Amino acid sequence: MKINWKHTMVMFILSVSLVIPSASFHALADEKYTQSSSATSYQLTDAIKVEVKSILNESTSEGTRIAAVVRIFNNGDRLTGVPEYEVRVKTQEGLEYIMRPSQANVKNIQPKETAELSYMNVVDRYDAFSLTELSWLDVDEFVYPKEEKRIISIPVSAIEWKGEKAVLSDPATTKKWEDTFTIPVLSSPIEYKPVSLNEQNTPEGPMTIVGLLATNKGDKKTTIPDFRINGVSDKKVYTGKRLEQDKLLLEPGEQHYVHYAIPVRNTTELKSLSILTPEDFAVDDKTHNNYLIGRLTIALPGATSNLHFLNQLVEYEWNKPIKFDPLYKLIRPEVDVSMVDLQLHESAGGGFKAAVAKFKLLNHSENPLQVPQFQAELSSKSGNKYLGTRQSTLVETLIPNISYVIYYSFIIPSTETGEQLAMQILDTKSVEPYNIPLAAFKTKVMEETSDKSLAFYPFQVTLNDWSTGANYNMGSGSLPYSYKLNLDFNIKLQDEVVVDQSFSKMRLELADAKNRIMVTKVLSFTGENKLVSGTQTINFDLDRFETTVYLRIYEIIDTPFGEARRLIQTLKR
C-alpha cells in the first residue's frame, strides 16, 4: 500500500523475519552513530509519559527499515488505555513516514507500570537519509478534510542507529577494555567487566571467546538480560553469539561470567567489540522481525605478543594447589589440583616430542567426590598452543584424603625446548564445545637432577644393582647364547597416592656396544604383574656373546600418535 501527500509519504512492506545474521562477517561502512546514555521523558497525556528507547534506520534488500521502540509510564492511579495516536517519523528532508504498531503492543497500562511499544515501517528507498524526530498525532479521519493535531515531537537524531555497519561516535559510549560498565536503556543494575579474550579452534572453526564478569549491584534478584557482542575490525563486522543458553539469575551482590564466541581467527584482527541489544516487532502472531541496536563500543588493547602474556603470569610452584577462579564450578573447592611434574618425551619413531604433565588431585573432604574432567593447554613463548590429551582412565571417584595422579600429554614440535611455557586449565563442559580458562600460570620443564629415583612420580624407583650373565648352549640352533638380566629394584610410593592401570610405565632396553638392541621389557607399576621391590630377572637368547652392554631405562606413555619415551638413565657393564 502506498499513500502520497504533498509532504508526507507512507509505505509499508511486509518483510520476512530478520534473525541474527549467520554470515561470519559483513563489510563495514563509515557511518557514525551518536547515542546519549539516558533518555528524556515527555508528557504524552496527563497520566502517561513517554521516552524513546531505540531508533533504527537500516538499509536492507527490501528497502530501508525504520523502527522505533518507546517506553511509556502510567503515572496515574488507575488502569489507563494507551492512546491510539498515529506515530510518525520525520526525515531531515521533511518527509514523514507513518509507523505501524506491533501486534504485541499492549492496549492498556496499569498504574505506575512501564511498558514498551514497538513500531516499524519498511520504505521502498535505497538512498541514505537521516531521521530527526518521532511524533504522536491525533488524526480524525471521519471529517473532510481530515484533521490532525500534533501532540508531541521528540528529537531522535542523537540515538538513530543505522544497522550493524554503523560506528558509535559519542565518546560516552566507548569504553576501555579495563572499564566496568552498564548497558544503556536496559534498566538493569548489573555491571559488566571484560576479563578474557581467548582464541581457540572449535568444530565450527576458529573462534575468539570473550568473557565478561557480570555483577548484580542491586538489592533484588536480577536476570542477566539478553544482549549481543560483535567483533569489529578495520573492514569487517563478525557476528558473535552468547554461549550460556540457560537463564542466568543473580542474587544481590552475586557474580557470574557470560561468554561470547566471535568467528574470527586472530584477536589481533579485532579493533573493538560492539555491544547490541535485541528488539522485536510482531507483524502478526506468527511473524516477528528482530533487529539489533548498538549501545556501546569496547576498545580492545593493542596486539601483544605471547611473551607479554607469559610475563603477566605468576611462576608456578611445584606441587602446590593451583588457584582456580571460585566462580567456576567444574572443580570443587574441596579438591586440590597441583602439578607435580612436567617432562619432555621423545616419540618412538621420531618426528615429534610429547610434553607430559602430571597432576595430583586430592579430595580433602569427608565424602567421595567425582574426578573433575578439566582440560589442559600448553602454550609456548612464540604463541603456539597445544591442547592436552588426558590419560585414558576408568577412575571416576576421588577417595577422601587419598591423592590420585593423572597425566596429560601435549604433542609439540621437536624443536621445542620447554624453557618458557604457559599452562592453562580449561573447563570444556560448561559451554561445550568451547573451552573456558579456569587458571593460568607460567611454568617450564623440570630440570634434570642426579637423583633418578624420583623420575617415575609418584613412584620412587631405585635400581640398587644389576648384572648380566651368559651361557653357551651347544646344539641349541641359531641362538646358542642364553642370557640373564638381573635387576634389583626398590619401589615405594612417595605420597599417599593411587594411579590408574593406564599410567606411565618403565621400559628397559639392553643394547650392545654397536647400539644393537639385545632385549626390551615393559614393566608396569600397577596391575597383577606390577613392578615390586626385589630382583627382576629377564631371560633371553641371542646369537652372539657380548662383553660390553648398555642398560637404558625409559619412562613411556601412550599418545594419540604412538608411544613417547623419556630416557631416565643409561648404565654400562
Protein backbone atom coordinates (compact mmCIF):
# COMPACT_ATOMS: atom_id res chain seq x y z
CA MET A 1 0.00 0.00 0.00
CA LYS A 2 1.37 3.44 -0.89
CA ILE A 3 -0.20 6.79 0.06
CA ASN A 4 1.16 10.11 -1.22
CA TRP A 5 0.71 13.57 0.27
CA LYS A 6 2.43 16.79 -0.72
CA HIS A 7 4.98 16.44 2.07
CA THR A 8 4.06 13.05 3.52
CA MET A 9 4.75 9.68 2.03
CA VAL A 10 3.90 6.43 3.76
CA MET A 11 4.70 2.93 2.65
CA PHE A 12 4.68 -0.35 4.48
CA ILE A 13 6.02 -3.59 3.11
CA LEU A 14 5.57 -6.86 4.94
CA SER A 15 9.07 -8.25 5.14
CA VAL A 16 10.42 -11.61 6.09
CA SER A 17 11.54 -12.06 9.66
CA LEU A 18 15.07 -10.89 10.31
CA VAL A 19 17.25 -13.04 12.53
CA ILE A 20 20.78 -12.50 13.73
CA PRO A 21 22.94 -12.80 10.61
CA SER A 22 24.53 -16.20 10.24
CA ALA A 23 27.31 -14.92 7.97
CA SER A 24 30.61 -14.59 9.72
CA PHE A 25 31.36 -11.09 8.59
CA HIS A 26 29.98 -8.07 6.76
CA ALA A 27 31.51 -5.08 5.05
CA LEU A 28 31.99 -2.16 7.40
CA ALA A 29 30.82 1.28 6.38
CA ASP A 30 31.92 4.63 7.73
CA GLU A 31 28.58 5.63 9.23
CA LYS A 32 28.70 7.34 12.61
CA TYR A 33 26.22 6.94 15.41
CA THR A 34 25.78 9.12 18.46
CA GLN A 35 23.76 7.95 21.43
CA SER A 36 23.22 9.50 24.81
CA SER A 37 23.31 7.19 27.78
CA SER A 38 20.00 8.37 29.25
CA ALA A 39 16.63 9.08 27.65
CA THR A 40 14.43 12.11 28.32
CA SER A 41 10.76 11.63 29.26
CA TYR A 42 7.96 13.61 27.59
CA GLN A 43 4.36 14.04 28.68
CA LEU A 44 2.08 12.23 26.22
CA THR A 45 -1.16 12.58 28.24
CA ASP A 46 -1.95 13.82 31.73
CA ALA A 47 -1.11 10.36 33.13
CA ILE A 48 1.32 8.91 30.60
CA LYS A 49 4.94 9.81 30.00
CA VAL A 50 6.94 8.54 27.04
CA GLU A 51 10.64 8.19 26.21
CA VAL A 52 12.36 6.85 23.11
CA LYS A 53 14.43 3.74 23.69
CA SER A 54 15.54 2.78 20.17
CA ILE A 55 15.51 4.22 16.66
CA LEU A 56 16.54 2.11 13.68
CA ASN A 57 17.27 3.38 10.17
CA GLU A 58 18.73 0.40 8.34
CA SER A 59 19.23 -0.36 4.66
CA THR A 60 18.02 -3.86 3.67
CA SER A 61 17.45 -5.76 0.44
CA GLU A 62 13.74 -4.82 0.64
CA GLY A 63 14.41 -1.13 1.20
CA THR A 64 15.04 0.97 4.28
CA ARG A 65 13.71 -0.45 7.51
CA ILE A 66 12.67 2.16 10.04
CA ALA A 67 11.80 1.05 13.55
CA ALA A 68 11.16 2.69 16.90
CA VAL A 69 10.76 1.37 20.42
CA VAL A 70 9.35 3.65 23.10
CA ARG A 71 8.71 3.25 26.80
CA ILE A 72 5.53 4.56 28.34
CA PHE A 73 4.91 5.06 32.06
CA ASN A 74 1.50 5.40 33.71
CA ASN A 75 1.94 7.96 36.47
CA GLY A 76 -1.76 7.85 37.31
CA ASP A 77 -3.67 5.84 39.90
CA ARG A 78 -5.87 3.73 37.61
CA LEU A 79 -5.73 1.48 34.57
CA THR A 80 -5.24 3.66 31.51
CA GLY A 81 -5.63 2.86 27.84
CA VAL A 82 -2.71 3.51 25.53
CA PRO A 83 -3.70 6.49 23.37
CA GLU A 84 -4.48 5.47 19.79
CA TYR A 85 -2.38 8.20 18.29
CA GLU A 86 -0.70 7.91 14.93
CA VAL A 87 3.09 7.64 15.25
CA ARG A 88 5.28 9.16 12.55
CA VAL A 89 8.98 9.54 11.97
CA LYS A 90 10.42 12.55 10.17
CA THR A 91 13.50 12.69 7.93
CA GLN A 92 15.98 15.52 7.52
CA GLU A 93 14.25 16.32 4.19
CA GLY A 94 10.95 16.96 5.96
CA LEU A 95 9.31 13.73 4.79
CA GLU A 96 7.19 11.82 7.29
CA TYR A 97 6.53 8.08 7.42
CA ILE A 98 3.68 6.56 9.35
CA MET A 99 4.87 3.81 11.70
CA ARG A 100 2.88 0.61 12.03
CA PRO A 101 2.34 -0.59 15.63
CA SER A 102 3.47 -4.08 16.62
CA GLN A 103 0.72 -6.63 17.17
CA ALA A 104 2.33 -7.31 20.54
CA ASN A 105 1.85 -3.74 21.80
CA VAL A 106 -0.22 -3.52 24.97
CA LYS A 107 -3.60 -1.78 24.83
CA ASN A 108 -3.74 -0.75 28.49
CA ILE A 109 -1.20 0.05 31.16
CA GLN A 110 -1.52 -0.44 34.92
CA PRO A 111 -0.87 2.43 37.36
CA LYS A 112 2.88 3.02 38.00
CA GLU A 113 3.67 0.46 35.32
CA THR A 114 6.16 0.81 32.47
CA ALA A 115 5.56 -0.83 29.08
CA GLU A 116 7.40 -0.89 25.77
CA LEU A 117 5.72 -0.21 22.43
CA SER A 118 7.28 -1.15 19.10
CA TYR A 119 6.71 0.41 15.65
CA MET A 120 8.08 -0.32 12.20
CA ASN A 121 7.87 0.61 8.54
CA VAL A 122 9.83 -0.60 5.51
CA VAL A 123 10.23 2.15 2.92
CA ASP A 124 10.94 1.43 -0.72
CA ARG A 125 14.01 3.65 -1.00
CA TYR A 126 17.71 2.84 -1.05
CA ASP A 127 19.40 6.23 -0.70
CA ALA A 128 20.93 7.37 2.55
CA PHE A 129 18.90 9.65 4.77
CA SER A 130 18.63 10.51 8.45
CA LEU A 131 15.78 10.70 10.93
CA THR A 132 15.20 13.79 13.02
CA GLU A 133 12.08 13.31 15.17
CA LEU A 134 9.35 10.94 16.29
CA SER A 135 5.85 12.41 16.61
CA TRP A 136 2.44 11.44 18.00
CA LEU A 137 -0.58 12.86 16.18
CA ASP A 138 -4.30 12.76 16.92
CA VAL A 139 -5.85 12.18 13.47
CA ASP A 140 -9.61 12.45 12.81
CA GLU A 141 -10.30 10.66 9.53
CA PHE A 142 -14.07 10.91 9.85
CA VAL A 143 -14.18 14.55 8.73
CA TYR A 144 -13.23 16.01 5.38
CA PRO A 145 -10.63 17.18 5.06
CA LYS A 146 -9.25 15.08 7.88
CA GLU A 147 -7.94 16.92 10.88
CA GLU A 148 -4.53 16.37 12.52
CA LYS A 149 -3.29 17.58 15.87
CA ARG A 150 0.36 17.08 16.75
CA ILE A 151 0.57 16.02 20.39
CA ILE A 152 4.36 15.85 20.90
CA SER A 153 7.51 15.54 18.80
CA ILE A 154 10.70 14.05 20.23
CA PRO A 155 14.12 14.64 18.61
CA VAL A 156 15.84 11.35 17.71
CA SER A 157 18.92 12.33 15.69
CA ALA A 158 21.24 11.57 18.58
CA ILE A 159 20.01 7.98 19.03
CA GLU A 160 19.50 6.94 15.40
CA TRP A 161 21.16 3.56 14.68
CA LYS A 162 21.91 2.69 11.05
CA GLY A 163 22.42 -1.04 11.41
CA GLU A 164 25.37 -3.20 12.40
CA LYS A 165 27.65 -1.37 9.96
CA ALA A 166 27.32 1.81 12.00
CA VAL A 167 30.05 3.05 14.32
CA LEU A 168 29.31 4.69 17.65
CA SER A 169 30.85 8.15 17.79
CA ASP A 170 29.65 9.50 21.14
CA PRO A 171 32.71 9.30 23.45
CA ALA A 172 30.43 8.34 26.36
CA THR A 173 29.57 5.08 24.60
CA THR A 174 33.19 3.98 24.11
CA LYS A 175 34.71 2.00 26.95
CA LYS A 176 38.24 0.82 27.57
CA TRP A 177 38.95 -2.89 28.00
CA GLU A 178 39.61 -2.43 31.71
CA ASP A 179 36.42 -0.36 32.33
CA THR A 180 33.37 -1.54 34.24
CA PHE A 181 30.11 -0.56 32.54
CA THR A 182 26.36 -0.90 32.48
CA ILE A 183 24.39 -1.21 29.26
CA PRO A 184 22.23 1.85 28.48
CA VAL A 185 18.43 1.51 28.28
CA LEU A 186 18.32 -1.96 29.84
CA SER A 187 17.24 -0.57 33.25
CA SER A 188 19.35 -3.26 34.89
CA PRO A 189 21.57 -2.95 37.99
CA ILE A 190 24.06 -5.40 36.51
CA GLU A 191 27.59 -4.15 35.87
CA TYR A 192 29.94 -5.83 33.41
CA LYS A 193 33.71 -6.03 33.22
CA PRO A 194 35.68 -7.59 30.33
CA VAL A 195 38.00 -10.25 31.73
CA SER A 196 39.17 -12.58 28.95
CA LEU A 197 39.79 -12.74 25.21
CA ASN A 198 40.95 -16.17 24.01
CA GLU A 199 41.48 -17.77 20.63
CA GLN A 200 40.60 -21.41 20.10
CA ASN A 201 39.74 -23.90 17.41
CA THR A 202 36.25 -25.38 17.58
CA PRO A 203 34.14 -27.73 15.44
CA GLU A 204 32.68 -24.54 13.95
CA GLY A 205 36.10 -23.16 13.03
CA PRO A 206 38.45 -20.66 14.70
CA MET A 207 36.75 -18.58 17.38
CA THR A 208 37.63 -15.76 19.74
CA ILE A 209 35.91 -16.24 23.09
CA VAL A 210 35.06 -13.06 25.00
CA GLY A 211 34.41 -13.30 28.73
CA LEU A 212 32.54 -10.71 30.81
CA LEU A 213 32.13 -10.72 34.58
CA ALA A 214 28.57 -9.71 35.50
CA THR A 215 27.84 -8.35 38.99
CA ASN A 216 24.40 -7.60 40.41
CA LYS A 217 24.78 -4.22 42.10
CA GLY A 218 21.09 -4.04 43.02
CA ASP A 219 19.17 -5.21 46.08
CA LYS A 220 16.90 -7.70 44.28
CA LYS A 221 17.30 -10.86 42.22
CA THR A 222 18.02 -9.87 38.63
CA THR A 223 18.24 -11.82 35.40
CA ILE A 224 21.19 -11.10 33.13
CA PRO A 225 19.40 -9.55 30.13
CA ASP A 226 19.82 -10.62 26.54
CA PHE A 227 22.42 -8.68 24.60
CA ARG A 228 24.88 -9.47 21.84
CA ILE A 229 28.56 -8.81 21.20
CA ASN A 230 30.03 -8.42 17.72
CA GLY A 231 33.70 -8.14 16.83
CA VAL A 232 34.77 -5.19 14.70
CA SER A 233 37.91 -4.98 12.57
CA ASP A 234 39.03 -2.29 10.14
CA LYS A 235 36.89 -3.74 7.35
CA LYS A 236 34.51 -6.30 8.77
CA VAL A 237 31.95 -7.00 11.46
CA TYR A 238 31.98 -10.51 12.96
CA THR A 239 28.70 -11.67 14.46
CA GLY A 240 29.04 -13.10 17.95
CA LYS A 241 26.75 -15.38 19.92
CA ARG A 242 26.24 -15.91 23.63
CA LEU A 243 27.42 -19.31 24.84
CA GLU A 244 25.37 -19.59 28.03
CA GLN A 245 21.92 -20.67 26.88
CA ASP A 246 20.23 -21.01 30.27
CA LYS A 247 18.59 -18.11 32.06
CA LEU A 248 21.09 -16.56 34.50
CA LEU A 249 19.55 -15.17 37.69
CA LEU A 250 21.82 -13.25 40.07
CA GLU A 251 21.20 -12.62 43.75
CA PRO A 252 22.19 -9.17 45.11
CA GLY A 253 25.97 -8.95 45.02
CA GLU A 254 26.31 -12.24 43.13
CA GLN A 255 28.69 -12.57 40.19
CA HIS A 256 28.63 -14.76 37.11
CA TYR A 257 30.56 -14.99 33.85
CA VAL A 258 28.97 -14.68 30.43
CA HIS A 259 30.83 -15.68 27.28
CA TYR A 260 30.50 -14.89 23.58
CA ALA A 261 32.01 -16.70 20.61
CA ILE A 262 33.11 -14.49 17.71
CA PRO A 263 34.16 -16.24 14.47
CA VAL A 264 37.48 -14.50 13.95
CA ARG A 265 40.74 -16.42 13.62
CA ASN A 266 43.05 -13.96 15.32
CA THR A 267 42.30 -11.45 18.07
CA THR A 268 44.82 -9.06 16.51
CA GLU A 269 42.30 -8.55 13.68
CA LEU A 270 39.78 -7.08 16.13
CA LYS A 271 39.90 -3.39 16.94
CA SER A 272 36.80 -3.22 19.13
CA LEU A 273 33.73 -5.04 20.39
CA SER A 274 30.22 -3.76 19.77
CA ILE A 275 27.51 -4.38 22.38
CA LEU A 276 23.99 -4.51 20.96
CA THR A 277 20.54 -5.15 22.42
CA PRO A 278 17.79 -7.02 20.56
CA GLU A 279 14.41 -5.56 19.68
CA ASP A 280 11.30 -7.27 18.32
CA PHE A 281 8.41 -6.24 16.08
CA ALA A 282 5.40 -8.56 15.73
CA VAL A 283 3.84 -8.41 12.27
CA ASP A 284 1.24 -10.94 13.41
CA ASP A 285 1.01 -13.88 15.79
CA LYS A 286 3.43 -15.97 13.73
CA THR A 287 5.77 -13.44 12.11
CA HIS A 288 8.33 -11.41 14.05
CA ASN A 289 11.01 -9.05 12.78
CA ASN A 290 14.04 -8.97 15.07
CA TYR A 291 16.83 -6.42 14.90
CA LEU A 292 19.73 -5.11 16.97
CA ILE A 293 20.56 -1.65 18.30
CA GLY A 294 24.17 -0.73 19.10
CA ARG A 295 24.70 0.60 22.62
CA LEU A 296 28.42 0.54 23.48
CA THR A 297 31.86 0.04 21.95
CA ILE A 298 34.66 -1.65 23.88
CA ALA A 299 38.09 -0.65 22.62
CA LEU A 300 40.49 -3.57 22.63
CA PRO A 301 44.10 -3.27 23.76
CA GLY A 302 46.70 -3.32 21.03
CA ALA A 303 48.21 -6.55 19.80
CA THR A 304 50.53 -8.11 22.37
CA SER A 305 52.99 -10.96 21.98
CA ASN A 306 52.58 -14.25 23.76
CA LEU A 307 55.80 -13.42 25.60
CA HIS A 308 53.99 -10.44 27.09
CA PHE A 309 51.17 -12.80 28.09
CA LEU A 310 53.71 -15.12 29.73
CA ASN A 311 55.31 -12.28 31.65
CA GLN A 312 51.96 -11.37 33.18
CA LEU A 313 51.53 -14.85 34.65
CA VAL A 314 52.79 -15.97 38.04
CA GLU A 315 55.51 -18.61 38.11
CA TYR A 316 54.05 -21.90 39.30
CA GLU A 317 55.47 -23.52 42.44
CA TRP A 318 55.63 -27.29 42.00
CA ASN A 319 53.23 -29.47 43.97
CA LYS A 320 51.24 -26.50 45.28
CA PRO A 321 47.43 -26.30 44.83
CA ILE A 322 46.51 -24.35 41.71
CA LYS A 323 44.36 -21.30 42.42
CA PHE A 324 41.10 -21.53 40.48
CA ASP A 325 38.50 -18.87 39.90
CA PRO A 326 35.84 -19.59 42.58
CA LEU A 327 33.01 -18.58 40.25
CA TYR A 328 33.55 -21.67 38.14
CA LYS A 329 32.01 -24.87 39.48
CA LEU A 330 33.85 -27.56 37.50
CA ILE A 331 36.50 -28.06 40.17
CA ARG A 332 35.01 -28.07 43.63
CA PRO A 333 36.81 -26.19 46.44
CA GLU A 334 37.21 -29.49 48.35
CA VAL A 335 39.50 -30.77 45.59
CA ASP A 336 43.11 -29.60 45.37
CA VAL A 337 44.74 -29.85 41.95
CA SER A 338 48.51 -29.47 41.75
CA MET A 339 51.04 -30.06 39.01
CA VAL A 340 53.79 -32.36 40.22
CA ASP A 341 55.80 -33.00 37.07
CA LEU A 342 56.37 -31.70 33.54
CA GLN A 343 58.82 -33.55 31.29
CA LEU A 344 59.65 -33.88 27.61
CA HIS A 345 59.34 -37.30 25.94
CA GLU A 346 60.62 -38.29 22.50
CA SER A 347 58.44 -40.16 20.04
CA ALA A 348 59.50 -43.74 19.49
CA GLY A 349 59.57 -43.25 15.72
CA GLY A 350 60.80 -39.64 15.71
CA GLY A 351 59.05 -36.58 14.32
CA PHE A 352 57.63 -35.03 17.48
CA LYS A 353 58.05 -34.56 21.19
CA ALA A 354 55.45 -35.03 23.90
CA ALA A 355 55.34 -32.79 26.94
CA VAL A 356 53.87 -34.83 29.79
CA ALA A 357 52.32 -33.04 32.75
CA LYS A 358 51.30 -34.98 35.84
CA PHE A 359 48.57 -33.55 38.06
CA LYS A 360 47.79 -34.66 41.58
CA LEU A 361 44.14 -34.50 42.69
CA LEU A 362 43.43 -34.56 46.42
CA ASN A 363 39.93 -34.79 47.89
CA HIS A 364 40.24 -33.23 51.36
CA SER A 365 36.55 -33.60 52.18
CA GLU A 366 34.96 -36.45 54.12
CA ASN A 367 32.96 -37.80 51.18
CA PRO A 368 33.83 -39.31 47.79
CA LEU A 369 33.80 -36.73 45.00
CA GLN A 370 33.73 -37.00 41.24
CA VAL A 371 37.04 -36.70 39.40
CA PRO A 372 36.94 -33.25 37.74
CA GLN A 373 37.01 -33.50 33.95
CA PHE A 374 39.18 -30.49 33.18
CA GLN A 375 41.33 -29.94 30.11
CA ALA A 376 44.88 -28.54 29.96
CA GLU A 377 46.53 -26.40 27.29
CA LEU A 378 50.21 -25.61 26.94
CA SER A 379 51.48 -22.57 25.04
CA SER A 380 55.00 -21.55 24.10
CA LYS A 381 56.60 -18.12 24.12
CA SER A 382 56.12 -17.97 20.33
CA GLY A 383 52.35 -18.25 20.77
CA ASN A 384 51.86 -21.86 19.67
CA LYS A 385 49.15 -23.66 21.64
CA TYR A 386 48.97 -27.37 22.33
CA LEU A 387 45.83 -28.97 23.70
CA GLY A 388 46.49 -31.85 26.06
CA THR A 389 45.31 -35.43 25.72
CA ARG A 390 44.06 -36.73 29.03
CA GLN A 391 45.25 -40.11 30.21
CA SER A 392 42.66 -42.77 29.41
CA THR A 393 41.26 -43.79 32.77
CA LEU A 394 38.26 -45.54 34.28
CA VAL A 395 38.56 -43.84 37.66
CA GLU A 396 35.50 -41.66 38.32
CA THR A 397 35.65 -41.04 42.08
CA LEU A 398 38.19 -39.40 44.36
CA ILE A 399 38.54 -41.18 47.72
CA PRO A 400 38.73 -38.79 50.70
CA ASN A 401 42.27 -37.82 51.72
CA ILE A 402 43.98 -40.00 49.10
CA SER A 403 45.62 -38.35 46.11
CA TYR A 404 45.07 -39.50 42.55
CA VAL A 405 47.65 -38.76 39.84
CA ILE A 406 46.73 -38.37 36.19
CA TYR A 407 48.82 -37.21 33.26
CA TYR A 408 48.17 -35.09 30.15
CA SER A 409 50.32 -35.37 27.02
CA PHE A 410 50.91 -32.46 24.65
CA ILE A 411 52.25 -33.16 21.16
CA ILE A 412 54.80 -30.46 20.36
CA PRO A 413 57.44 -29.87 17.65
CA SER A 414 60.84 -31.50 18.03
CA THR A 415 62.39 -28.02 18.22
CA GLU A 416 60.54 -27.09 21.43
CA THR A 417 62.84 -26.83 24.44
CA GLY A 418 60.22 -26.28 27.14
CA GLU A 419 62.01 -23.28 28.64
CA GLN A 420 59.19 -20.73 28.73
CA LEU A 421 55.69 -22.16 28.81
CA ALA A 422 52.22 -21.21 29.98
CA MET A 423 49.78 -23.79 31.31
CA GLN A 424 46.05 -23.14 31.22
CA ILE A 425 43.48 -25.31 32.98
CA LEU A 426 40.28 -25.29 30.95
CA ASP A 427 36.60 -26.02 31.52
CA THR A 428 35.28 -27.92 28.48
CA LYS A 429 31.88 -28.79 29.95
CA SER A 430 30.08 -25.56 30.90
CA VAL A 431 29.69 -24.20 27.34
CA GLU A 432 30.69 -27.25 25.31
CA PRO A 433 32.36 -27.42 22.77
CA TYR A 434 34.11 -24.22 23.82
CA ASN A 435 36.90 -24.00 26.39
CA ILE A 436 36.81 -21.57 29.29
CA PRO A 437 40.06 -20.87 31.21
CA LEU A 438 39.89 -21.67 34.93
CA ALA A 439 43.53 -20.90 35.79
CA ALA A 440 46.77 -19.99 34.05
CA PHE A 441 50.38 -19.92 35.22
CA LYS A 442 53.93 -19.74 33.92
CA THR A 443 56.00 -22.91 34.02
CA LYS A 444 58.80 -24.86 32.34
CA VAL A 445 60.02 -28.40 32.00
CA MET A 446 61.53 -29.67 35.26
CA GLU A 447 65.30 -29.62 35.39
CA GLU A 448 67.17 -32.92 35.37
CA THR A 449 68.78 -33.97 38.64
CA SER A 450 71.34 -36.57 39.55
CA ASP A 451 68.77 -38.35 41.71
CA LYS A 452 66.99 -40.62 39.23
CA SER A 453 64.81 -42.29 41.87
CA LEU A 454 62.17 -39.57 41.55
CA ALA A 455 61.78 -39.86 37.77
CA PHE A 456 58.66 -42.03 37.87
CA TYR A 457 56.48 -39.89 40.13
CA PRO A 458 54.59 -40.87 42.26
CA PHE A 459 56.82 -43.93 42.48
CA GLN A 460 60.30 -43.68 43.95
CA VAL A 461 62.34 -46.16 41.95
CA THR A 462 65.87 -47.07 42.98
CA LEU A 463 67.98 -49.52 40.99
CA ASN A 464 70.24 -50.99 43.65
CA ASP A 465 72.22 -53.24 41.34
CA TRP A 466 72.07 -55.01 38.01
CA SER A 467 74.07 -57.65 36.19
CA THR A 468 74.07 -59.84 33.11
CA GLY A 469 75.21 -63.39 32.61
CA ALA A 470 75.51 -65.60 29.52
CA ASN A 471 75.78 -69.34 28.91
CA TYR A 472 76.68 -71.11 25.70
CA ASN A 473 74.36 -73.99 24.85
CA MET A 474 75.87 -76.32 22.25
CA GLY A 475 73.36 -77.61 19.79
CA SER A 476 70.70 -75.01 20.56
CA GLY A 477 70.48 -73.77 16.98
CA SER A 478 70.81 -70.21 15.76
CA LEU A 479 70.57 -68.69 19.26
CA PRO A 480 73.17 -70.54 21.27
CA TYR A 481 73.71 -67.92 23.99
CA SER A 482 71.28 -67.77 26.90
CA TYR A 483 71.35 -64.52 28.84
CA LYS A 484 70.02 -63.47 32.21
CA LEU A 485 69.48 -59.82 33.07
CA ASN A 486 69.11 -59.38 36.83
CA LEU A 487 67.85 -56.11 38.28
CA ASP A 488 67.45 -55.33 41.96
CA PHE A 489 64.81 -52.60 42.47
CA ASN A 490 63.49 -50.75 45.47
CA ILE A 491 59.97 -49.42 44.74
CA LYS A 492 57.84 -47.28 47.01
CA LEU A 493 55.24 -44.53 46.76
CA GLN A 494 56.41 -41.01 47.51
CA ASP A 495 52.99 -39.92 48.87
CA GLU A 496 49.63 -41.46 49.70
CA VAL A 497 48.75 -41.67 46.03
CA VAL A 498 46.90 -44.01 43.70
CA VAL A 499 47.26 -44.27 39.92
CA ASP A 500 45.27 -45.93 37.19
CA GLN A 501 46.41 -49.01 35.25
CA SER A 502 46.91 -46.83 32.18
CA PHE A 503 49.57 -44.77 33.97
CA SER A 504 53.09 -44.42 32.57
CA LYS A 505 55.33 -47.49 32.52
CA MET A 506 59.02 -48.38 32.67
CA ARG A 507 60.78 -49.64 29.57
CA LEU A 508 64.09 -51.50 29.93
CA GLU A 509 66.35 -51.76 26.92
CA LEU A 510 69.61 -53.71 26.76
CA ALA A 511 71.95 -52.87 23.87
CA ASP A 512 75.45 -53.90 22.82
CA ALA A 513 78.45 -51.68 22.07
CA LYS A 514 77.18 -51.17 18.50
CA ASN A 515 73.80 -50.00 19.84
CA ARG A 516 72.07 -53.14 18.64
CA ILE A 517 69.05 -53.95 20.81
CA MET A 518 69.51 -57.24 22.63
CA VAL A 519 66.24 -57.32 24.59
CA THR A 520 63.45 -54.96 25.72
CA LYS A 521 60.94 -55.30 28.53
CA VAL A 522 58.00 -53.09 29.59
CA LEU A 523 57.19 -53.10 33.31
CA SER A 524 54.03 -51.66 34.83
CA PHE A 525 53.68 -50.06 38.24
CA THR A 526 50.10 -51.31 38.60
CA GLY A 527 48.14 -54.50 37.97
CA GLU A 528 48.81 -58.16 38.73
CA ASN A 529 52.33 -58.22 37.28
CA LYS A 530 53.38 -54.84 38.61
CA LEU A 531 56.97 -53.97 39.36
CA VAL A 532 57.78 -54.50 43.05
CA SER A 533 60.87 -54.29 45.25
CA GLY A 534 63.30 -57.14 44.81
CA THR A 535 65.06 -58.86 41.96
CA GLN A 536 63.59 -58.91 38.47
CA THR A 537 65.06 -61.48 36.07
CA ILE A 538 64.74 -61.22 32.32
CA ASN A 539 65.77 -64.29 30.29
CA PHE A 540 66.54 -64.10 26.57
CA ASP A 541 68.54 -65.89 23.87
CA LEU A 542 70.93 -64.34 21.37
CA ASP A 543 73.19 -65.46 18.52
CA ARG A 544 76.34 -63.80 19.89
CA PHE A 545 78.29 -63.17 23.04
CA GLU A 546 78.66 -59.58 24.19
CA THR A 547 81.14 -58.43 26.81
CA THR A 548 80.01 -54.76 26.91
CA VAL A 549 76.34 -53.93 27.31
CA TYR A 550 74.30 -50.80 28.00
CA LEU A 551 71.11 -50.72 30.09
CA ARG A 552 68.74 -47.90 29.18
CA ILE A 553 65.76 -47.09 31.42
CA TYR A 554 62.84 -45.15 29.94
CA GLU A 555 59.52 -43.81 31.13
CA ILE A 556 56.92 -44.42 28.41
CA ILE A 557 53.39 -43.19 27.83
CA ASP A 558 50.78 -43.68 25.15
CA THR A 559 49.80 -40.71 22.97
CA PRO A 560 47.34 -40.46 20.04
CA PHE A 561 50.40 -40.58 17.75
CA GLY A 562 52.01 -43.60 19.36
CA GLU A 563 54.40 -44.30 22.19
CA ALA A 564 56.54 -41.49 23.62
CA ARG A 565 59.52 -42.20 25.84
CA ARG A 566 61.85 -40.30 28.14
CA LEU A 567 65.33 -41.60 28.78
CA ILE A 568 65.89 -41.71 32.53
CA GLN A 569 69.27 -43.33 32.79
CA THR A 570 71.93 -45.20 30.80
CA LEU A 571 74.18 -47.70 32.61
CA LYS A 572 77.18 -49.63 31.30
CA ARG A 573 78.55 -53.06 32.12
